Amino acid sequence: RQAPGGQRELVATTSSNGNRNYADSVRGRFTISPDNA
């Protein structure tokens, strides 16, 4: 995501091995979920 006048920052990612990562600012509030098929 990129706020007006701000830098682009990572929010959340998910990989094929099942790992999920979140920015500290959104952890606990945001959930990323894939549908690989």
PDB file of all heavy atoms in Angstrom:
ATOM      1  N   ARG A   1       0.833  -1.188   0.000  1.00  0.00           N
ATOM      2  CA  ARG A   1       0.000   0.000   0.000  1.00  0.00           C
ATOM      3  C   ARG A   1       0.872   1.243   0.000  1.00  0.00           C
ATOM      4  O   ARG A   1       2.018   1.217   0.435  1.00  0.00           O
ATOM      5  CB  ARG A   1      -0.955   0.015   1.197  1.00  0.00           C
ATOM      6  CG  ARG A   1      -0.279   0.226   2.548  1.00  0.00           C
ATOM      7  CD  ARG A   1      -1.287   0.112   3.679  1.00  0.00           C
ATOM      8  NE  ARG A   1      -0.681   0.362   4.978  1.00  0.00           N
ATOM      9  CZ  ARG A   1      -1.308   0.203   6.135  1.00  0.00           C
ATOM     10  NH1 ARG A   1      -2.580  -0.198   6.148  1.00  0.00           N
ATOM     11  NH2 ARG A   1      -0.677   0.455   7.279  1.00  0.00           N
ATOM     12  N   GLN A   2       0.283   2.327  -0.475  1.00  0.00           N
ATOM     13  CA  GLN A   2       0.981   3.603  -0.516  1.00  0.00           C
ATOM     14  C   GLN A   2       0.007   4.707  -0.150  1.00  0.00           C
ATOM     15  O   GLN A   2      -0.967   4.953  -0.866  1.00  0.00           O
ATOM     16  CB  GLN A   2       1.583   3.858  -1.896  1.00  0.00           C
ATOM     17  CG  GLN A   2       2.464   5.090  -1.962  1.00  0.00           C
ATOM     18  CD  GLN A   2       3.259   5.161  -3.246  1.00  0.00           C
ATOM     19  OE1 GLN A   2       2.989   4.426  -4.200  1.00  0.00           O
ATOM     20  NE2 GLN A   2       4.247   6.031  -3.282  1.00  0.00           N
ATOM     21  N   ALA A   3       0.273   5.365   0.964  1.00  0.00           N
ATOM     22  CA  ALA A   3      -0.535   6.489   1.398  1.00  0.00           C
ATOM     23  C   ALA A   3      -0.153   7.731   0.602  1.00  0.00           C
ATOM     24  O   ALA A   3       0.954   7.812   0.056  1.00  0.00           O
ATOM     25  CB  ALA A   3      -0.343   6.732   2.891  1.00  0.00           C
ATOM     26  N   PRO A   4      -1.047   8.707   0.513  1.00  0.00           N
ATOM     27  CA  PRO A   4      -0.714   9.945  -0.195  1.00  0.00           C
ATOM     28  C   PRO A   4       0.544  10.586   0.361  1.00  0.00           C
ATOM     29  O   PRO A   4       0.638  10.858   1.563  1.00  0.00           O
ATOM     30  CB  PRO A   4      -1.940  10.826   0.037  1.00  0.00           C
ATOM     31  CG  PRO A   4      -3.060   9.861   0.280  1.00  0.00           C
ATOM     32  CD  PRO A   4      -2.432   8.721   1.020  1.00  0.00           C
ATOM     33  N   GLY A   5       1.516  10.807  -0.497  1.00  0.00           N
ATOM     34  CA  GLY A   5       2.771  11.405  -0.078  1.00  0.00           C
ATOM     35  C   GLY A   5       3.700  10.479   0.669  1.00  0.00           C
ATOM     36  O   GLY A   5       4.773  10.906   1.113  1.00  0.00           O
ATOM     37  N   GLY A   6       3.320   9.220   0.818  1.00  0.00           N
ATOM     38  CA  GLY A   6       4.114   8.272   1.568  1.00  0.00           C
ATOM     39  C   GLY A   6       4.836   7.274   0.688  1.00  0.00           C
ATOM     40  O   GLY A   6       4.758   7.311  -0.543  1.00  0.00           O
ATOM     41  N   GLN A   7       5.558   6.379   1.338  1.00  0.00           N
ATOM     42  CA  GLN A   7       6.282   5.327   0.645  1.00  0.00           C
ATOM     43  C   GLN A   7       5.427   4.073   0.521  1.00  0.00           C
ATOM     44  O   GLN A   7       4.553   3.820   1.349  1.00  0.00           O
ATOM     45  CB  GLN A   7       7.579   4.994   1.391  1.00  0.00           C
ATOM     46  CG  GLN A   7       8.564   6.144   1.491  1.00  0.00           C
ATOM     47  CD  GLN A   7       9.811   5.765   2.262  1.00  0.00           C
ATOM     48  OE1 GLN A   7       9.824   4.782   3.013  1.00  0.00           O
ATOM     49  NE2 GLN A   7      10.865   6.534   2.084  1.00  0.00           N
ATOM     50  N   ARG A   8       5.697   3.302  -0.512  1.00  0.00           N
ATOM     51  CA  ARG A   8       5.004   2.035  -0.658  1.00  0.00           C
ATOM     52  C   ARG A   8       5.552   1.044   0.362  1.00  0.00           C
ATOM     53  O   ARG A   8       6.765   0.863   0.473  1.00  0.00           O
ATOM     54  CB  ARG A   8       5.164   1.497  -2.076  1.00  0.00           C
ATOM     55  CG  ARG A   8       4.352   0.237  -2.341  1.00  0.00           C
ATOM     56  CD  ARG A   8       4.357  -0.152  -3.812  1.00  0.00           C
ATOM     57  NE  ARG A   8       3.734   0.857  -4.655  1.00  0.00           N
ATOM     58  CZ  ARG A   8       3.434   0.683  -5.928  1.00  0.00           C
ATOM     59  NH1 ARG A   8       3.685  -0.478  -6.519  1.00  0.00           N
ATOM     60  NH2 ARG A   8       2.883   1.670  -6.625  1.00  0.00           N
ATOM     61  N   GLU A   9       4.657   0.410   1.089  1.00  0.00           N
ATOM     62  CA  GLU A   9       5.057  -0.491   2.147  1.00  0.00           C
ATOM     63  C   GLU A   9       4.333  -1.824   2.025  1.00  0.00           C
ATOM     64  O   GLU A   9       3.206  -1.903   1.537  1.00  0.00           O
ATOM     65  CB  GLU A   9       4.789   0.121   3.526  1.00  0.00           C
ATOM     66  CG  GLU A   9       3.318   0.376   3.809  1.00  0.00           C
ATOM     67  CD  GLU A   9       3.060   0.905   5.208  1.00  0.00           C
ATOM     68  OE1 GLU A   9       4.017   1.011   5.996  1.00  0.00           O
ATOM     69  OE2 GLU A   9       1.887   1.214   5.519  1.00  0.00           O
ATOM     70  N   LEU A  10       4.995  -2.847   2.503  1.00  0.00           N
ATOM     71  CA  LEU A  10       4.399  -4.177   2.532  1.00  0.00           C
ATOM     72  C   LEU A  10       3.263  -4.229   3.538  1.00  0.00           C
ATOM     73  O   LEU A  10       3.392  -3.733   4.658  1.00  0.00           O
ATOM     74  CB  LEU A  10       5.460  -5.215   2.884  1.00  0.00           C
ATOM     75  CG  LEU A  10       4.969  -6.650   3.099  1.00  0.00           C
ATOM     76  CD1 LEU A  10       4.527  -7.259   1.775  1.00  0.00           C
ATOM     77  CD2 LEU A  10       6.064  -7.501   3.737  1.00  0.00           C
ATOM     78  N   VAL A  11       2.165  -4.851   3.147  1.00  0.00           N
ATOM     79  CA  VAL A  11       1.034  -5.062   4.045  1.00  0.00           C
ATOM     80  C   VAL A  11       0.981  -6.517   4.494  1.00  0.00           C
ATOM     81  O   VAL A  11       1.002  -6.815   5.688  1.00  0.00           O
ATOM     82  CB  VAL A  11      -0.293  -4.660   3.384  1.00  0.00           C
ATOM     83  CG1 VAL A  11      -1.461  -4.936   4.326  1.00  0.00           C
ATOM     84  CG2 VAL A  11      -0.267  -3.194   2.978  1.00  0.00           C
ATOM     85  N   ALA A  12       0.891  -7.423   3.537  1.00  0.00           N
ATOM     86  CA  ALA A  12       0.789  -8.840   3.852  1.00  0.00           C
ATOM     87  C   ALA A  12       1.153  -9.655   2.628  1.00  0.00           C
ATOM     88  O   ALA A  12       0.904  -9.237   1.500  1.00  0.00           O
ATOM     89  CB  ALA A  12      -0.622  -9.214   4.326  1.00  0.00           C
ATOM     90  N   THR A  13       1.736 -10.825   2.857  1.00  0.00           N
ATOM     91  CA  THR A  13       2.087 -11.729   1.774  1.00  0.00           C
ATOM     92  C   THR A  13       1.769 -13.160   2.177  1.00  0.00           C
ATOM     93  O   THR A  13       1.737 -13.499   3.360  1.00  0.00           O
ATOM     94  CB  THR A  13       3.577 -11.657   1.395  1.00  0.00           C
ATOM     95  OG1 THR A  13       4.380 -12.085   2.498  1.00  0.00           O
ATOM     96  CG2 THR A  13       3.975 -10.237   1.016  1.00  0.00           C
ATOM     97  N   THR A  14       1.547 -13.984   1.186  1.00  0.00           N
ATOM     98  CA  THR A  14       1.400 -15.415   1.391  1.00  0.00           C
ATOM     99  C   THR A  14       2.139 -16.137   0.277  1.00  0.00           C
ATOM    100  O   THR A  14       2.139 -15.699  -0.872  1.00  0.00           O
ATOM    101  CB  THR A  14      -0.080 -15.834   1.435  1.00  0.00           C
ATOM    102  OG1 THR A  14      -0.174 -17.240   1.703  1.00  0.00           O
ATOM    103  CG2 THR A  14      -0.776 -15.534   0.115  1.00  0.00           C
ATOM    104  N   SER A  15       2.788 -17.241   0.621  1.00  0.00           N
ATOM    105  CA  SER A  15       3.580 -17.997  -0.331  1.00  0.00           C
ATOM    106  C   SER A  15       3.052 -19.416  -0.455  1.00  0.00           C
ATOM    107  O   SER A  15       2.226 -19.872   0.340  1.00  0.00           O
ATOM    108  CB  SER A  15       5.054 -18.013   0.075  1.00  0.00           C
ATOM    109  OG  SER A  15       5.226 -18.617   1.343  1.00  0.00           O
ATOM    110  N   SER A  16       3.553 -20.110  -1.463  1.00  0.00           N
ATOM    111  CA  SER A  16       3.061 -21.450  -1.758  1.00  0.00           C
ATOM    112  C   SER A  16       3.383 -22.461  -0.666  1.00  0.00           C
ATOM    113  O   SER A  16       2.734 -23.508  -0.588  1.00  0.00           O
ATOM    114  CB  SER A  16       3.632 -21.942  -3.094  1.00  0.00           C
ATOM    115  OG  SER A  16       5.045 -21.961  -3.074  1.00  0.00           O
ATOM    116  N   ASN A  17       4.375 -22.172   0.168  1.00  0.00           N
ATOM    117  CA  ASN A  17       4.697 -23.072   1.268  1.00  0.00           C
ATOM    118  C   ASN A  17       3.828 -22.843   2.495  1.00  0.00           C
ATOM    119  O   ASN A  17       4.032 -23.486   3.531  1.00  0.00           O
ATOM    120  CB  ASN A  17       6.177 -22.969   1.637  1.00  0.00           C
ATOM    121  CG  ASN A  17       6.583 -21.594   2.110  1.00  0.00           C
ATOM    122  OD1 ASN A  17       5.744 -20.731   2.353  1.00  0.00           O
ATOM    123  ND2 ASN A  17       7.887 -21.378   2.245  1.00  0.00           N
ATOM    124  N   GLY A  18       2.889 -21.907   2.397  1.00  0.00           N
ATOM    125  CA  GLY A  18       1.972 -21.638   3.482  1.00  0.00           C
ATOM    126  C   GLY A  18       2.367 -20.522   4.413  1.00  0.00           C
ATOM    127  O   GLY A  18       1.589 -20.157   5.305  1.00  0.00           O
ATOM    128  N   ASN A  19       3.557 -19.979   4.253  1.00  0.00           N
ATOM    129  CA  ASN A  19       3.993 -18.888   5.117  1.00  0.00           C
ATOM    130  C   ASN A  19       3.218 -17.616   4.831  1.00  0.00           C
ATOM    131  O   ASN A  19       2.946 -17.279   3.679  1.00  0.00           O
ATOM    132  CB  ASN A  19       5.486 -18.633   4.943  1.00  0.00           C
ATOM    133  CG  ASN A  19       6.334 -19.735   5.533  1.00  0.00           C
ATOM    134  OD1 ASN A  19       5.900 -20.455   6.432  1.00  0.00           O
ATOM    135  ND2 ASN A  19       7.548 -19.880   5.028  1.00  0.00           N
ATOM    136  N   ARG A  20       2.894 -16.906   5.887  1.00  0.00           N
ATOM    137  CA  ARG A  20       2.218 -15.623   5.780  1.00  0.00           C
ATOM    138  C   ARG A  20       2.959 -14.591   6.613  1.00  0.00           C
ATOM    139  O   ARG A  20       3.403 -14.882   7.720  1.00  0.00           O
ATOM    140  CB  ARG A  20       0.763 -15.727   6.243  1.00  0.00           C
ATOM    141  CG  ARG A  20      -0.054 -16.724   5.443  1.00  0.00           C
ATOM    142  CD  ARG A  20      -1.488 -16.787   5.918  1.00  0.00           C
ATOM    143  NE  ARG A  20      -2.241 -17.822   5.213  1.00  0.00           N
ATOM    144  CZ  ARG A  20      -3.540 -18.040   5.362  1.00  0.00           C
ATOM    145  NH1 ARG A  20      -4.246 -17.281   6.191  1.00  0.00           N
ATOM    146  NH2 ARG A  20      -4.131 -19.006   4.683  1.00  0.00           N
ATOM    147  N   ASN A  21       3.094 -13.417   6.050  1.00  0.00           N
ATOM    148  CA  ASN A  21       3.784 -12.332   6.723  1.00  0.00           C
ATOM    149  C   ASN A  21       2.915 -11.093   6.733  1.00  0.00           C
ATOM    150  O   ASN A  21       2.199 -10.817   5.774  1.00  0.00           O
ATOM    151  CB  ASN A  21       5.125 -12.034   6.036  1.00  0.00           C
ATOM    152  CG  ASN A  21       6.100 -13.175   6.131  1.00  0.00           C
ATOM    153  OD1 ASN A  21       6.553 -13.527   7.208  1.00  0.00           O
ATOM    154  ND2 ASN A  21       6.421 -13.773   4.992  1.00  0.00           N
ATOM    155  N   TYR A  22       3.016 -10.333   7.824  1.00  0.00           N
ATOM    156  CA  TYR A  22       2.240  -9.117   7.988  1.00  0.00           C
ATOM    157  C   TYR A  22       3.130  -7.989   8.470  1.00  0.00           C
ATOM    158  O   TYR A  22       4.079  -8.204   9.231  1.00  0.00           O
ATOM    159  CB  TYR A  22       1.115  -9.314   9.003  1.00  0.00           C
ATOM    160  CG  TYR A  22       0.080 -10.330   8.615  1.00  0.00           C
ATOM    161  CD1 TYR A  22       0.198 -11.658   9.020  1.00  0.00           C
ATOM    162  CD2 TYR A  22      -1.024  -9.968   7.856  1.00  0.00           C
ATOM    163  CE1 TYR A  22      -0.760 -12.596   8.668  1.00  0.00           C
ATOM    164  CE2 TYR A  22      -1.982 -10.898   7.506  1.00  0.00           C
ATOM    165  CZ  TYR A  22      -1.846 -12.212   7.909  1.00  0.00           C
ATOM    166  OH  TYR A  22      -2.803 -13.140   7.564  1.00  0.00           O
ATOM    167  N   ALA A  23       2.794  -6.795   8.029  1.00  0.00           N
ATOM    168  CA  ALA A  23       3.419  -5.629   8.614  1.00  0.00           C
ATOM    169  C   ALA A  23       2.978  -5.492  10.070  1.00  0.00           C
ATOM    170  O   ALA A  23       1.852  -5.853  10.424  1.00  0.00           O
ATOM    171  CB  ALA A  23       3.042  -4.372   7.833  1.00  0.00           C
ATOM    172  N   ASP A  24       3.872  -4.983  10.897  1.00  0.00           N
ATOM    173  CA  ASP A  24       3.542  -4.826  12.311  1.00  0.00           C
ATOM    174  C   ASP A  24       2.299  -3.962  12.520  1.00  0.00           C
ATOM    175  O   ASP A  24       1.529  -4.186  13.457  1.00  0.00           O
ATOM    176  CB  ASP A  24       4.723  -4.222  13.068  1.00  0.00           C
ATOM    177  CG  ASP A  24       5.892  -5.183  13.198  1.00  0.00           C
ATOM    178  OD1 ASP A  24       5.676  -6.408  13.062  1.00  0.00           O
ATOM    179  OD2 ASP A  24       7.014  -4.713  13.448  1.00  0.00           O
ATOM    180  N   SER A  25       2.107  -2.996  11.655  1.00  0.00           N
ATOM    181  CA  SER A  25       1.006  -2.066  11.818  1.00  0.00           C
ATOM    182  C   SER A  25      -0.363  -2.683  11.558  1.00  0.00           C
ATOM    183  O   SER A  25      -1.383  -2.112  11.958  1.00  0.00           O
ATOM    184  CB  SER A  25       1.199  -0.854  10.898  1.00  0.00           C
ATOM    185  OG  SER A  25       1.264  -1.263   9.543  1.00  0.00           O
ATOM    186  N   VAL A  26      -0.399  -3.845  10.895  1.00  0.00           N
ATOM    187  CA  VAL A  26      -1.676  -4.464  10.563  1.00  0.00           C
ATOM    188  C   VAL A  26      -1.862  -5.831  11.200  1.00  0.00           C
ATOM    189  O   VAL A  26      -2.973  -6.383  11.153  1.00  0.00           O
ATOM    190  CB  VAL A  26      -1.868  -4.591   9.039  1.00  0.00           C
ATOM    191  CG1 VAL A  26      -1.651  -3.249   8.357  1.00  0.00           C
ATOM    192  CG2 VAL A  26      -0.939  -5.646   8.450  1.00  0.00           C
ATOM    193  N   ARG A  27      -0.815  -6.380  11.776  1.00  0.00           N
ATOM    194  CA  ARG A  27      -0.908  -7.705  12.385  1.00  0.00           C
ATOM    195  C   ARG A  27      -1.980  -7.723  13.475  1.00  0.00           C
ATOM    196  O   ARG A  27      -2.018  -6.856  14.337  1.00  0.00           O
ATOM    197  CB  ARG A  27       0.449  -8.121  12.951  1.00  0.00           C
ATOM    198  CG  ARG A  27       0.476  -9.571  13.457  1.00  0.00           C
ATOM    199  CD  ARG A  27       1.879  -9.983  13.912  1.00  0.00           C
ATOM    200  NE  ARG A  27       2.813 -10.058  12.799  1.00  0.00           N
ATOM    201  CZ  ARG A  27       3.782  -9.193  12.588  1.00  0.00           C
ATOM    202  NH1 ARG A  27       3.964  -8.174  13.418  1.00  0.00           N
ATOM    203  NH2 ARG A  27       4.591  -9.337  11.552  1.00  0.00           N
ATOM    204  N   GLY A  28      -2.829  -8.731  13.410  1.00  0.00           N
ATOM    205  CA  GLY A  28      -3.932  -8.841  14.342  1.00  0.00           C
ATOM    206  C   GLY A  28      -5.214  -8.215  13.857  1.00  0.00           C
ATOM    207  O   GLY A  28      -6.286  -8.498  14.402  1.00  0.00           O
ATOM    208  N   ARG A  29      -5.126  -7.358  12.848  1.00  0.00           N
ATOM    209  CA  ARG A  29      -6.301  -6.717  12.275  1.00  0.00           C
ATOM    210  C   ARG A  29      -6.599  -7.197  10.867  1.00  0.00           C
ATOM    211  O   ARG A  29      -7.762  -7.294  10.471  1.00  0.00           O
ATOM    212  CB  ARG A  29      -6.134  -5.196  12.265  1.00  0.00           C
ATOM    213  CG  ARG A  29      -5.958  -4.577  13.645  1.00  0.00           C
ATOM    214  CD  ARG A  29      -5.968  -3.050  13.571  1.00  0.00           C
ATOM    215  NE  ARG A  29      -4.861  -2.532  12.777  1.00  0.00           N
ATOM    216  CZ  ARG A  29      -5.009  -1.809  11.671  1.00  0.00           C
ATOM    217  NH1 ARG A  29      -6.225  -1.513  11.224  1.00  0.00           N
ATOM    218  NH2 ARG A  29      -3.945  -1.360  11.020  1.00  0.00           N
ATOM    219  N   PHE A  30      -5.549  -7.475  10.104  1.00  0.00           N
ATOM    220  CA  PHE A  30      -5.697  -7.913   8.713  1.00  0.00           C
ATOM    221  C   PHE A  30      -5.401  -9.401   8.608  1.00  0.00           C
ATOM    222  O   PHE A  30      -4.546  -9.930   9.328  1.00  0.00           O
ATOM    223  CB  PHE A  30      -4.738  -7.161   7.791  1.00  0.00           C
ATOM    224  CG  PHE A  30      -5.048  -5.698   7.601  1.00  0.00           C
ATOM    225  CD1 PHE A  30      -5.997  -5.049   8.370  1.00  0.00           C
ATOM    226  CD2 PHE A  30      -4.368  -4.976   6.628  1.00  0.00           C
ATOM    227  CE1 PHE A  30      -6.270  -3.702   8.193  1.00  0.00           C
ATOM    228  CE2 PHE A  30      -4.632  -3.634   6.436  1.00  0.00           C
ATOM    229  CZ  PHE A  30      -5.587  -2.992   7.221  1.00  0.00           C
ATOM    230  N   THR A  31      -6.068 -10.069   7.689  1.00  0.00           N
ATOM    231  CA  THR A  31      -5.831 -11.474   7.420  1.00  0.00           C
ATOM    232  C   THR A  31      -5.754 -11.697   5.919  1.00  0.00           C
ATOM    233  O   THR A  31      -6.668 -11.317   5.187  1.00  0.00           O
ATOM    234  CB  THR A  31      -6.938 -12.362   8.008  1.00  0.00           C
ATOM    235  OG1 THR A  31      -7.036 -12.150   9.418  1.00  0.00           O
ATOM    236  CG2 THR A  31      -6.628 -13.835   7.744  1.00  0.00           C
ATOM    237  N   ILE A  32      -4.666 -12.309   5.474  1.00  0.00           N
ATOM    238  CA  ILE A  32      -4.516 -12.642   4.068  1.00  0.00           C
ATOM    239  C   ILE A  32      -4.821 -14.126   3.893  1.00  0.00           C
ATOM    240  O   ILE A  32      -4.383 -14.959   4.680  1.00  0.00           O
ATOM    241  CB  ILE A  32      -3.109 -12.289   3.542  1.00  0.00           C
ATOM    242  CG1 ILE A  32      -3.043 -12.467   2.027  1.00  0.00           C
ATOM    243  CG2 ILE A  32      -2.024 -13.095   4.242  1.00  0.00           C
ATOM    244  CD1 ILE A  32      -1.782 -11.875   1.407  1.00  0.00           C
ATOM    245  N   SER A  33      -5.576 -14.450   2.865  1.00  0.00           N
ATOM    246  CA  SER A  33      -5.968 -15.836   2.626  1.00  0.00           C
ATOM    247  C   SER A  33      -5.947 -16.118   1.129  1.00  0.00           C
ATOM    248  O   SER A  33      -6.567 -15.392   0.347  1.00  0.00           O
ATOM    249  CB  SER A  33      -7.352 -16.127   3.207  1.00  0.00           C
ATOM    250  OG  SER A  33      -8.324 -15.248   2.676  1.00  0.00           O
ATOM    251  N   PRO A  34      -5.245 -17.166   0.720  1.00  0.00           N
ATOM    252  CA  PRO A  34      -5.172 -17.502  -0.699  1.00  0.00           C
ATOM    253  C   PRO A  34      -6.189 -18.550  -1.105  1.00  0.00           C
ATOM    254  O   PRO A  34      -6.656 -19.345  -0.294  1.00  0.00           O
ATOM    255  CB  PRO A  34      -3.753 -18.059  -0.837  1.00  0.00           C
ATOM    256  CG  PRO A  34      -3.535 -18.768   0.469  1.00  0.00           C
ATOM    257  CD  PRO A  34      -4.292 -17.963   1.510  1.00  0.00           C
ATOM    258  N   ASP A  35      -6.520 -18.533  -2.374  1.00  0.00           N
ATOM    259  CA  ASP A  35      -7.264 -19.608  -3.007  1.00  0.00           C
ATOM    260  C   ASP A  35      -6.410 -20.043  -4.189  1.00  0.00           C
ATOM    261  O   ASP A  35      -6.546 -19.521  -5.295  1.00  0.00           O
ATOM    262  CB  ASP A  35      -8.645 -19.149  -3.455  1.00  0.00           C
ATOM    263  CG  ASP A  35      -9.492 -20.294  -3.972  1.00  0.00           C
ATOM    264  OD1 ASP A  35      -8.943 -21.349  -4.339  1.00  0.00           O
ATOM    265  OD2 ASP A  35     -10.729 -20.142  -4.025  1.00  0.00           O
ATOM    266  N   ASN A  36      -5.527 -20.991  -3.942  1.00  0.00           N
ATOM    267  CA  ASN A  36      -4.522 -21.352  -4.932  1.00  0.00           C
ATOM    268  C   ASN A  36      -5.127 -21.913  -6.218  1.00  0.00           C
ATOM    269  O   ASN A  36      -4.595 -21.680  -7.308  1.00  0.00           O
ATOM    270  CB  ASN A  36      -3.543 -22.361  -4.337  1.00  0.00           C
ATOM    271  CG  ASN A  36      -2.701 -21.781  -3.233  1.00  0.00           C
ATOM    272  OD1 ASN A  36      -2.305 -20.617  -3.295  1.00  0.00           O
ATOM    273  ND2 ASN A  36      -2.401 -22.588  -2.224  1.00  0.00           N
ATOM    274  N   ALA A  37      -6.211 -22.642  -6.084  1.00  0.00           N
ATOM    275  CA  ALA A  37      -6.835 -23.233  -7.264  1.00  0.00           C
ATOM    276  C   ALA A  37      -7.372 -22.179  -8.217  1.00  0.00           C
ATOM    277  O   ALA A  37      -7.470 -22.422  -9.422  1.00  0.00           O
ATOM    278  CB  ALA A  37      -7.947 -24.194  -6.853  1.00  0.00           C
TER     279      ALA A  37
END
